[in-house]
Every structure is written in C-alpha cells, then in structure tokens.
Amino acid sequence: MKLAEKVQEWLSHLQWNDELTLDEENQTSSVSFYYSIKNQSFKVWVETDEQRDVLEIYFYAPFNGLSNKLTDCAILFNYINACNKWGAIVCTDTKGTI
C-alpha cells in the first residue's frame, strides 16, 4: 500500500510513535493524533484509500461553533470553501464540531 507506506515514512521521519491502522481488504489506512497550533490542540486524522489514490487529512478544532450561530458558520464556511479548491471547512454535526 503505497500511500500508507508514505504516511508511515512521514511519521517515522518526525520520530512519532504513532502507527497506521491498516485494512488490507479495503486497501485503506488511518492514523490519528493531536497536533498543537498556537497552544491549541487539534485532533488530526490521516486516512489513505489506495483504490481511489486518495490521501485525506482532517483537523478537528478544539472549539465548536455556537449552537445559535451554526447557520452563520455554514454561510461563512461555504464562502471560504468557494475560494479554496484544496479542502473544506465544515461543521460536522449539531454540536458544531468544526
């Protein structure tokens, strides 16, 4: 699994002890860890899909959108996403997880 090997190589290069979870049958892999940006800890998921030749990286913010502002968040995120072709920012559920 080429993509999975590259992700593991990257983790090893950083000297992190995180290891990929491999699903040989579906040709996928995943790893999760916390990453600090400006003293805020983000949950990060890295997933690979060999059949689709896709590497996906998800950052979950250490804060949620306010429940009474989720519509405003969606409008803002749609605007940001329209200007960006490399990813997306979303609220993933009714809790406002960003």
PDB file of N, CA and C in Angstrom:
ATOM      1  N   MET A   1       0.854  -1.177   0.000  1.00  0.00           N
ATOM      2  CA  MET A   1       0.000   0.000   0.000  1.00  0.00           C
ATOM      3  C   MET A   1       0.896   1.236   0.000  1.00  0.00           C
ATOM      4  N   LYS A   2       1.028   1.832  -1.171  1.00  0.00           N
ATOM      5  CA  LYS A   2       1.970   2.927  -1.400  1.00  0.00           C
ATOM      6  C   LYS A   2       1.711   4.155  -0.536  1.00  0.00           C
ATOM      7  N   LEU A   3       0.468   4.622  -0.516  1.00  0.00           N
ATOM      8  CA  LEU A   3       0.155   5.826   0.261  1.00  0.00           C
ATOM      9  C   LEU A   3       0.376   5.583   1.751  1.00  0.00           C
ATOM     10  N   ALA A   4      -0.060   4.441   2.229  1.00  0.00           N
ATOM     11  CA  ALA A   4       0.121   4.106   3.640  1.00  0.00           C
ATOM     12  C   ALA A   4       1.601   4.077   4.013  1.00  0.00           C
ATOM     13  N   GLU A   5       2.416   3.532   3.135  1.00  0.00           N
ATOM     14  CA  GLU A   5       3.862   3.487   3.385  1.00  0.00           C
ATOM     15  C   GLU A   5       4.440   4.898   3.480  1.00  0.00           C
ATOM     16  N   LYS A   6       3.972   5.799   2.628  1.00  0.00           N
ATOM     17  CA  LYS A   6       4.459   7.190   2.662  1.00  0.00           C
ATOM     18  C   LYS A   6       4.047   7.884   3.952  1.00  0.00           C
ATOM     19  N   VAL A   7       2.832   7.645   4.401  1.00  0.00           N
ATOM     20  CA  VAL A   7       2.378   8.251   5.660  1.00  0.00           C
ATOM     21  C   VAL A   7       3.209   7.711   6.817  1.00  0.00           C
ATOM     22  N   GLN A   8       3.444   6.399   6.851  1.00  0.00           N
ATOM     23  CA  GLN A   8       4.256   5.816   7.919  1.00  0.00           C
ATOM     24  C   GLN A   8       5.685   6.335   7.860  1.00  0.00           C
ATOM     25  N   GLU A   9       6.209   6.514   6.647  1.00  0.00           N
ATOM     26  CA  GLU A   9       7.553   7.083   6.472  1.00  0.00           C
ATOM     27  C   GLU A   9       7.614   8.495   7.050  1.00  0.00           C
ATOM     28  N   TRP A  10       6.574   9.280   6.795  1.00  0.00           N
ATOM     29  CA  TRP A  10       6.493  10.646   7.328  1.00  0.00           C
ATOM     30  C   TRP A  10       6.449  10.629   8.851  1.00  0.00           C
ATOM     31  N   LEU A  11       5.622   9.737   9.425  1.00  0.00           N
ATOM     32  CA  LEU A  11       5.543   9.632  10.891  1.00  0.00           C
ATOM     33  C   LEU A  11       6.892   9.226  11.482  1.00  0.00           C
ATOM     34  N   SER A  12       7.562   8.301  10.836  1.00  0.00           N
ATOM     35  CA  SER A  12       8.877   7.857  11.312  1.00  0.00           C
ATOM     36  C   SER A  12       9.903   8.977  11.207  1.00  0.00           C
ATOM     37  N   HIS A  13       9.843   9.731  10.115  1.00  0.00           N
ATOM     38  CA  HIS A  13      10.760  10.859   9.928  1.00  0.00           C
ATOM     39  C   HIS A  13      10.599  11.884  11.052  1.00  0.00           C
ATOM     40  N   LEU A  14       9.341  12.091  11.484  1.00  0.00           N
ATOM     41  CA  LEU A  14       9.079  13.011  12.589  1.00  0.00           C
ATOM     42  C   LEU A  14       9.415  12.399  13.943  1.00  0.00           C
ATOM     43  N   GLN A  15       9.786  11.119  13.934  1.00  0.00           N
ATOM     44  CA  GLN A  15      10.098  10.350  15.143  1.00  0.00           C
ATOM     45  C   GLN A  15       8.894  10.257  16.077  1.00  0.00           C
ATOM     46  N   TRP A  16       7.714  10.130  15.479  1.00  0.00           N
ATOM     47  CA  TRP A  16       6.496   9.913  16.251  1.00  0.00           C
ATOM     48  C   TRP A  16       6.261   8.413  16.362  1.00  0.00           C
ATOM     49  N   ASN A  17       5.678   8.003  17.469  1.00  0.00           N
ATOM     50  CA  ASN A  17       5.421   6.591  17.703  1.00  0.00           C
ATOM     51  C   ASN A  17       4.067   6.134  17.166  1.00  0.00           C
ATOM     52  N   ASP A  18       3.317   7.052  16.569  1.00  0.00           N
ATOM     53  CA  ASP A  18       2.007   6.705  16.039  1.00  0.00           C
ATOM     54  C   ASP A  18       2.159   5.709  14.898  1.00  0.00           C
ATOM     55  N   GLU A  19       1.276   4.705  14.878  1.00  0.00           N
ATOM     56  CA  GLU A  19       1.321   3.706  13.820  1.00  0.00           C
ATOM     57  C   GLU A  19      -0.004   3.666  13.090  1.00  0.00           C
ATOM     58  N   LEU A  20       0.074   3.403  11.816  1.00  0.00           N
ATOM     59  CA  LEU A  20      -1.121   3.310  10.987  1.00  0.00           C
ATOM     60  C   LEU A  20      -1.922   2.062  11.320  1.00  0.00           C
ATOM     61  N   THR A  21      -3.224   2.196  11.252  1.00  0.00           N
ATOM     62  CA  THR A  21      -4.114   1.052  11.289  1.00  0.00           C
ATOM     63  C   THR A  21      -4.398   0.689   9.837  1.00  0.00           C
ATOM     64  N   LEU A  22      -4.051  -0.528   9.448  1.00  0.00           N
ATOM     65  CA  LEU A  22      -4.202  -0.957   8.062  1.00  0.00           C
ATOM     66  C   LEU A  22      -5.418  -1.852   7.902  1.00  0.00           C
ATOM     67  N   ASP A  23      -6.143  -1.635   6.821  1.00  0.00           N
ATOM     68  CA  ASP A  23      -7.239  -2.513   6.421  1.00  0.00           C
ATOM     69  C   ASP A  23      -6.877  -3.034   5.032  1.00  0.00           C
ATOM     70  N   GLU A  24      -6.199  -4.169   5.003  1.00  0.00           N
ATOM     71  CA  GLU A  24      -5.700  -4.726   3.744  1.00  0.00           C
ATOM     72  C   GLU A  24      -6.838  -5.062   2.783  1.00  0.00           C
ATOM     73  N   GLU A  25      -7.939  -5.555   3.319  1.00  0.00           N
ATOM     74  CA  GLU A  25      -9.065  -5.958   2.466  1.00  0.00           C
ATOM     75  C   GLU A  25      -9.624  -4.780   1.673  1.00  0.00           C
ATOM     76  N   ASN A  26      -9.794  -3.634   2.338  1.00  0.00           N
ATOM     77  CA  ASN A  26     -10.338  -2.447   1.677  1.00  0.00           C
ATOM     78  C   ASN A  26      -9.250  -1.521   1.141  1.00  0.00           C
ATOM     79  N   GLN A  27      -8.007  -1.877   1.383  1.00  0.00           N
ATOM     80  CA  GLN A  27      -6.845  -1.096   0.961  1.00  0.00           C
ATOM     81  C   GLN A  27      -6.909   0.331   1.493  1.00  0.00           C
ATOM     82  N   THR A  28      -7.186   0.447   2.785  1.00  0.00           N
ATOM     83  CA  THR A  28      -7.233   1.754   3.441  1.00  0.00           C
ATOM     84  C   THR A  28      -6.342   1.712   4.680  1.00  0.00           C
ATOM     85  N   SER A  29      -6.022   2.898   5.166  1.00  0.00           N
ATOM     86  CA  SER A  29      -5.278   3.011   6.417  1.00  0.00           C
ATOM     87  C   SER A  29      -5.692   4.305   7.108  1.00  0.00           C
ATOM     88  N   SER A  30      -5.421   4.373   8.404  1.00  0.00           N
ATOM     89  CA  SER A  30      -5.721   5.596   9.141  1.00  0.00           C
ATOM     90  C   SER A  30      -4.809   5.700  10.353  1.00  0.00           C
ATOM     91  N   VAL A  31      -4.609   6.929  10.767  1.00  0.00           N
ATOM     92  CA  VAL A  31      -3.870   7.215  11.988  1.00  0.00           C
ATOM     93  C   VAL A  31      -4.449   8.513  12.549  1.00  0.00           C
ATOM     94  N   SER A  32      -4.503   8.620  13.853  1.00  0.00           N
ATOM     95  CA  SER A  32      -4.976   9.860  14.475  1.00  0.00           C
ATOM     96  C   SER A  32      -4.011  10.269  15.569  1.00  0.00           C
ATOM     97  N   PHE A  33      -3.942  11.574  15.777  1.00  0.00           N
ATOM     98  CA  PHE A  33      -3.058  12.118  16.796  1.00  0.00           C
ATOM     99  C   PHE A  33      -3.498  13.545  17.088  1.00  0.00           C
ATOM    100  N   TYR A  34      -2.948  14.110  18.136  1.00  0.00           N
ATOM    101  CA  TYR A  34      -3.199  15.515  18.459  1.00  0.00           C
ATOM    102  C   TYR A  34      -2.021  16.346  17.988  1.00  0.00           C
ATOM    103  N   TYR A  35      -2.316  17.534  17.468  1.00  0.00           N
ATOM    104  CA  TYR A  35      -1.288  18.427  16.965  1.00  0.00           C
ATOM    105  C   TYR A  35      -1.567  19.825  17.502  1.00  0.00           C
ATOM    106  N   SER A  36      -0.568  20.448  18.076  1.00  0.00           N
ATOM    107  CA  SER A  36      -0.737  21.756  18.703  1.00  0.00           C
ATOM    108  C   SER A  36      -0.376  22.877  17.730  1.00  0.00           C
ATOM    109  N   ILE A  37      -1.295  23.824  17.589  1.00  0.00           N
ATOM    110  CA  ILE A  37      -1.078  25.020  16.784  1.00  0.00           C
ATOM    111  C   ILE A  37      -1.395  26.216  17.668  1.00  0.00           C
ATOM    112  N   LYS A  38      -0.400  27.050  17.930  1.00  0.00           N
ATOM    113  CA  LYS A  38      -0.564  28.225  18.782  1.00  0.00           C
ATOM    114  C   LYS A  38      -1.249  27.875  20.111  1.00  0.00           C
ATOM    115  N   ASN A  39      -0.727  26.851  20.760  1.00  0.00           N
ATOM    116  CA  ASN A  39      -1.183  26.401  22.076  1.00  0.00           C
ATOM    117  C   ASN A  39      -2.616  25.877  22.089  1.00  0.00           C
ATOM    118  N   GLN A  40      -3.137  25.478  20.921  1.00  0.00           N
ATOM    119  CA  GLN A  40      -4.448  24.842  20.859  1.00  0.00           C
ATOM    120  C   GLN A  40      -4.262  23.457  20.241  1.00  0.00           C
ATOM    121  N   SER A  41      -4.839  22.462  20.872  1.00  0.00           N
ATOM    122  CA  SER A  41      -4.633  21.083  20.465  1.00  0.00           C
ATOM    123  C   SER A  41      -5.733  20.628  19.504  1.00  0.00           C
ATOM    124  N   PHE A  42      -5.343  20.347  18.262  1.00  0.00           N
ATOM    125  CA  PHE A  42      -6.269  19.890  17.244  1.00  0.00           C
ATOM    126  C   PHE A  42      -6.183  18.373  17.125  1.00  0.00           C
ATOM    127  N   LYS A  43      -7.323  17.714  16.979  1.00  0.00           N
ATOM    128  CA  LYS A  43      -7.349  16.283  16.686  1.00  0.00           C
ATOM    129  C   LYS A  43      -7.154  16.140  15.178  1.00  0.00           C
ATOM    130  N   VAL A  44      -6.221  15.303  14.771  1.00  0.00           N
ATOM    131  CA  VAL A  44      -5.901  15.124  13.352  1.00  0.00           C
ATOM    132  C   VAL A  44      -6.102  13.655  12.977  1.00  0.00           C
ATOM    133  N   TRP A  45      -6.769  13.431  11.855  1.00  0.00           N
ATOM    134  CA  TRP A  45      -6.917  12.100  11.269  1.00  0.00           C
ATOM    135  C   TRP A  45      -6.269  12.124   9.900  1.00  0.00           C
ATOM    136  N   VAL A  46      -5.472  11.133   9.593  1.00  0.00           N
ATOM    137  CA  VAL A  46      -4.903  10.968   8.265  1.00  0.00           C
ATOM    138  C   VAL A  46      -5.388   9.615   7.755  1.00  0.00           C
ATOM    139  N   GLU A  47      -6.044   9.636   6.608  1.00  0.00           N
ATOM    140  CA  GLU A  47      -6.586   8.408   6.038  1.00  0.00           C
ATOM    141  C   GLU A  47      -6.091   8.249   4.601  1.00  0.00           C
ATOM    142  N   THR A  48      -5.849   7.019   4.204  1.00  0.00           N
ATOM    143  CA  THR A  48      -5.485   6.738   2.823  1.00  0.00           C
ATOM    144  C   THR A  48      -6.473   5.752   2.230  1.00  0.00           C
ATOM    145  N   ASP A  49      -6.670   5.879   0.926  1.00  0.00           N
ATOM    146  CA  ASP A  49      -7.510   4.953   0.168  1.00  0.00           C
ATOM    147  C   ASP A  49      -6.753   4.625  -1.112  1.00  0.00           C
ATOM    148  N   GLU A  50      -6.151   3.451  -1.142  1.00  0.00           N
ATOM    149  CA  GLU A  50      -5.296   3.061  -2.259  1.00  0.00           C
ATOM    150  C   GLU A  50      -6.087   2.898  -3.557  1.00  0.00           C
ATOM    151  N   GLN A  51      -7.304   2.391  -3.482  1.00  0.00           N
ATOM    152  CA  GLN A  51      -8.098   2.171  -4.690  1.00  0.00           C
ATOM    153  C   GLN A  51      -8.428   3.482  -5.394  1.00  0.00           C
ATOM    154  N   ARG A  52      -8.704   4.511  -4.613  1.00  0.00           N
ATOM    155  CA  ARG A  52      -9.021   5.823  -5.196  1.00  0.00           C
ATOM    156  C   ARG A  52      -7.780   6.704  -5.334  1.00  0.00           C
ATOM    157  N   ASP A  53      -6.638   6.245  -4.804  1.00  0.00           N
ATOM    158  CA  ASP A  53      -5.387   7.008  -4.806  1.00  0.00           C
ATOM    159  C   ASP A  53      -5.588   8.359  -4.113  1.00  0.00           C
ATOM    160  N   VAL A  54      -6.130   8.284  -2.880  1.00  0.00           N
ATOM    161  CA  VAL A  54      -6.518   9.488  -2.132  1.00  0.00           C
ATOM    162  C   VAL A  54      -5.887   9.479  -0.748  1.00  0.00           C
ATOM    163  N   LEU A  55      -5.373  10.632  -0.376  1.00  0.00           N
ATOM    164  CA  LEU A  55      -4.882  10.894   0.978  1.00  0.00           C
ATOM    165  C   LEU A  55      -5.764  11.993   1.549  1.00  0.00           C
ATOM    166  N   GLU A  56      -6.405  11.733   2.689  1.00  0.00           N
ATOM    167  CA  GLU A  56      -7.284  12.721   3.313  1.00  0.00           C
ATOM    168  C   GLU A  56      -6.747  13.074   4.689  1.00  0.00           C
ATOM    169  N   ILE A  57      -6.776  14.363   4.998  1.00  0.00           N
ATOM    170  CA  ILE A  57      -6.323  14.854   6.301  1.00  0.00           C
ATOM    171  C   ILE A  57      -7.451  15.683   6.897  1.00  0.00           C
ATOM    172  N   TYR A  58      -7.847  15.338   8.112  1.00  0.00           N
ATOM    173  CA  TYR A  58      -8.915  16.034   8.814  1.00  0.00           C
ATOM    174  C   TYR A  58      -8.353  16.675  10.079  1.00  0.00           C
ATOM    175  N   PHE A  59      -8.637  17.956  10.278  1.00  0.00           N
ATOM    176  CA  PHE A  59      -8.294  18.668  11.510  1.00  0.00           C
ATOM    177  C   PHE A  59      -9.603  18.989  12.216  1.00  0.00           C
ATOM    178  N   TYR A  60      -9.728  18.594  13.471  1.00  0.00           N
ATOM    179  CA  TYR A  60     -10.899  18.937  14.269  1.00  0.00           C
ATOM    180  C   TYR A  60     -10.486  19.993  15.275  1.00  0.00           C
ATOM    181  N   ALA A  61     -11.143  21.136  15.198  1.00  0.00           N
ATOM    182  CA  ALA A  61     -10.790  22.271  16.049  1.00  0.00           C
ATOM    183  C   ALA A  61     -11.088  21.967  17.519  1.00  0.00           C
ATOM    184  N   PRO A  62     -10.338  22.606  18.420  1.00  0.00           N
ATOM    185  CA  PRO A  62     -10.547  22.388  19.856  1.00  0.00           C
ATOM    186  C   PRO A  62     -11.717  23.208  20.400  1.00  0.00           C
ATOM    187  N   PHE A  63     -12.531  23.750  19.512  1.00  0.00           N
ATOM    188  CA  PHE A  63     -13.702  24.536  19.916  1.00  0.00           C
ATOM    189  C   PHE A  63     -14.821  24.228  18.937  1.00  0.00           C
ATOM    190  N   ASN A  64     -16.041  24.512  19.333  1.00  0.00           N
ATOM    191  CA  ASN A  64     -17.209  24.270  18.491  1.00  0.00           C
ATOM    192  C   ASN A  64     -17.853  25.584  18.099  1.00  0.00           C
ATOM    193  N   GLY A  65     -18.607  25.547  17.011  1.00  0.00           N
ATOM    194  CA  GLY A  65     -19.439  26.688  16.665  1.00  0.00           C
ATOM    195  C   GLY A  65     -20.571  26.794  17.676  1.00  0.00           C
ATOM    196  N   LEU A  66     -20.974  27.998  17.974  1.00  0.00           N
ATOM    197  CA  LEU A  66     -22.084  28.189  18.902  1.00  0.00           C
ATOM    198  C   LEU A  66     -23.371  27.661  18.273  1.00  0.00           C
ATOM    199  N   SER A  67     -24.200  26.993  19.073  1.00  0.00           N
ATOM    200  CA  SER A  67     -25.405  26.367  18.532  1.00  0.00           C
ATOM    201  C   SER A  67     -26.333  27.377  17.860  1.00  0.00           C
ATOM    202  N   ASN A  68     -26.366  28.606  18.358  1.00  0.00           N
ATOM    203  CA  ASN A  68     -27.234  29.616  17.747  1.00  0.00           C
ATOM    204  C   ASN A  68     -26.570  30.316  16.565  1.00  0.00           C
ATOM    205  N   LYS A  69     -25.357  29.908  16.219  1.00  0.00           N
ATOM    206  CA  LYS A  69     -24.612  30.519  15.106  1.00  0.00           C
ATOM    207  C   LYS A  69     -24.220  29.501  14.029  1.00  0.00           C
ATOM    208  N   LEU A  70     -24.801  28.301  14.056  1.00  0.00           N
ATOM    209  CA  LEU A  70     -24.412  27.274  13.098  1.00  0.00           C
ATOM    210  C   LEU A  70     -24.765  27.671  11.663  1.00  0.00           C
ATOM    211  N   THR A  71     -25.881  28.357  11.482  1.00  0.00           N
ATOM    212  CA  THR A  71     -26.236  28.833  10.143  1.00  0.00           C
ATOM    213  C   THR A  71     -25.206  29.847   9.666  1.00  0.00           C
ATOM    214  N   ASP A  72     -24.816  30.764  10.545  1.00  0.00           N
ATOM    215  CA  ASP A  72     -23.783  31.742  10.194  1.00  0.00           C
ATOM    216  C   ASP A  72     -22.461  31.039   9.867  1.00  0.00           C
ATOM    217  N   CYS A  73     -22.122  30.005  10.645  1.00  0.00           N
ATOM    218  CA  CYS A  73     -20.903  29.238  10.370  1.00  0.00           C
ATOM    219  C   CYS A  73     -20.985  28.602   8.984  1.00  0.00           C
ATOM    220  N   ALA A  74     -22.141  28.016   8.660  1.00  0.00           N
ATOM    221  CA  ALA A  74     -22.305  27.361   7.358  1.00  0.00           C
ATOM    222  C   ALA A  74     -22.145  28.358   6.220  1.00  0.00           C
ATOM    223  N   ILE A  75     -22.713  29.543   6.361  1.00  0.00           N
ATOM    224  CA  ILE A  75     -22.587  30.573   5.320  1.00  0.00           C
ATOM    225  C   ILE A  75     -21.131  31.003   5.172  1.00  0.00           C
ATOM    226  N   LEU A  76     -20.459  31.242   6.289  1.00  0.00           N
ATOM    227  CA  LEU A  76     -19.049  31.622   6.251  1.00  0.00           C
ATOM    228  C   LEU A  76     -18.203  30.514   5.637  1.00  0.00           C
ATOM    229  N   PHE A  77     -18.419  29.274   6.069  1.00  0.00           N
ATOM    230  CA  PHE A  77     -17.622  28.164   5.566  1.00  0.00           C
ATOM    231  C   PHE A  77     -17.867  27.950   4.070  1.00  0.00           C
ATOM    232  N   ASN A  78     -19.114  28.110   3.617  1.00  0.00           N
ATOM    233  CA  ASN A  78     -19.404  27.985   2.188  1.00  0.00           C
ATOM    234  C   ASN A  78     -18.650  29.043   1.394  1.00  0.00           C
ATOM    235  N   TYR A  79     -18.578  30.260   1.922  1.00  0.00           N
ATOM    236  CA  TYR A  79     -17.827  31.329   1.257  1.00  0.00           C
ATOM    237  C   TYR A  79     -16.342  30.974   1.187  1.00  0.00           C
ATOM    238  N   ILE A  80     -15.791  30.527   2.310  1.00  0.00           N
ATOM    239  CA  ILE A  80     -14.377  30.145   2.348  1.00  0.00           C
ATOM    240  C   ILE A  80     -14.118  28.997   1.378  1.00  0.00           C
ATOM    241  N   ASN A  81     -14.991  28.000   1.391  1.00  0.00           N
ATOM    242  CA  ASN A  81     -14.807  26.827   0.535  1.00  0.00           C
ATOM    243  C   ASN A  81     -14.898  27.170  -0.943  1.00  0.00           C
ATOM    244  N   ALA A  82     -15.711  28.163  -1.296  1.00  0.00           N
ATOM    245  CA  ALA A  82     -15.838  28.563  -2.697  1.00  0.00           C
ATOM    246  C   ALA A  82     -14.536  29.166  -3.222  1.00  0.00           C
ATOM    247  N   CYS A  83     -13.730  29.694  -2.317  1.00  0.00           N
ATOM    248  CA  CYS A  83     -12.453  30.321  -2.706  1.00  0.00           C
ATOM    249  C   CYS A  83     -11.281  29.359  -2.601  1.00  0.00           C
ATOM    250  N   ASN A  84     -11.518  28.148  -2.151  1.00  0.00           N
ATOM    251  CA  ASN A  84     -10.447  27.201  -1.861  1.00  0.00           C
ATOM    252  C   ASN A  84     -10.734  25.883  -2.556  1.00  0.00           C
ATOM    253  N   LYS A  85      -9.820  25.430  -3.392  1.00  0.00           N
ATOM    254  CA  LYS A  85     -10.044  24.167  -4.085  1.00  0.00           C
ATOM    255  C   LYS A  85      -9.304  22.986  -3.461  1.00  0.00           C
ATOM    256  N   TRP A  86      -8.599  23.191  -2.373  1.00  0.00           N
ATOM    257  CA  TRP A  86      -7.778  22.129  -1.792  1.00  0.00           C
ATOM    258  C   TRP A  86      -8.360  21.485  -0.558  1.00  0.00           C
ATOM    259  N   GLY A  87      -9.517  21.912  -0.106  1.00  0.00           N
ATOM    260  CA  GLY A  87     -10.086  21.310   1.087  1.00  0.00           C
ATOM    261  C   GLY A  87     -11.395  21.989   1.422  1.00  0.00           C
ATOM    262  N   ALA A  88     -11.872  21.725   2.606  1.00  0.00           N
ATOM    263  CA  ALA A  88     -13.137  22.318   3.020  1.00  0.00           C
ATOM    264  C   ALA A  88     -13.138  22.487   4.531  1.00  0.00           C
ATOM    265  N   ILE A  89     -13.869  23.466   4.982  1.00  0.00           N
ATOM    266  CA  ILE A  89     -14.097  23.661   6.413  1.00  0.00           C
ATOM    267  C   ILE A  89     -15.599  23.491   6.629  1.00  0.00           C
ATOM    268  N   VAL A  90     -15.967  22.686   7.611  1.00  0.00           N
ATOM    269  CA  VAL A  90     -17.374  22.344   7.824  1.00  0.00           C
ATOM    270  C   VAL A  90     -17.680  22.224   9.307  1.00  0.00           C
ATOM    271  N   CYS A  91     -18.954  22.325   9.631  1.00  0.00           N
ATOM    272  CA  CYS A  91     -19.468  21.894  10.930  1.00  0.00           C
ATOM    273  C   CYS A  91     -20.003  20.497  10.691  1.00  0.00           C
ATOM    274  N   THR A  92     -19.497  19.525  11.422  1.00  0.00           N
ATOM    275  CA  THR A  92     -19.808  18.132  11.105  1.00  0.00           C
ATOM    276  C   THR A  92     -21.070  17.589  11.759  1.00  0.00           C
ATOM    277  N   ASP A  93     -21.615  18.291  12.753  1.00  0.00           N
ATOM    278  CA  ASP A  93     -22.796  17.762  13.431  1.00  0.00           C
ATOM    279  C   ASP A  93     -23.533  18.885  14.147  1.00  0.00           C
ATOM    280  N   THR A  94     -24.600  18.537  14.833  1.00  0.00           N
ATOM    281  CA  THR A  94     -25.400  19.537  15.527  1.00  0.00           C
ATOM    282  C   THR A  94     -24.704  20.115  16.747  1.00  0.00           C
ATOM    283  N   LYS A  95     -23.592  19.520  17.164  1.00  0.00           N
ATOM    284  CA  LYS A  95     -22.806  20.062  18.284  1.00  0.00           C
ATOM    285  C   LYS A  95     -21.936  21.228  17.830  1.00  0.00           C
ATOM    286  N   GLY A  96     -21.794  21.394  16.513  1.00  0.00           N
ATOM    287  CA  GLY A  96     -20.971  22.472  15.996  1.00  0.00           C
ATOM    288  C   GLY A  96     -19.508  22.130  15.872  1.00  0.00           C
ATOM    289  N   THR A  97     -19.180  20.838  15.851  1.00  0.00           N
ATOM    290  CA  THR A  97     -17.788  20.427  15.695  1.00  0.00           C
ATOM    291  C   THR A  97     -17.243  20.965  14.381  1.00  0.00           C
ATOM    292  N   ILE A  98     -16.131  21.664  14.457  1.00  0.00           N
ATOM    293  CA  ILE A  98     -15.538  22.271  13.270  1.00  0.00           C
ATOM    294  C   ILE A  98     -14.341  21.454  12.820  1.00  0.00           C
TER     295      ILE A  98
END
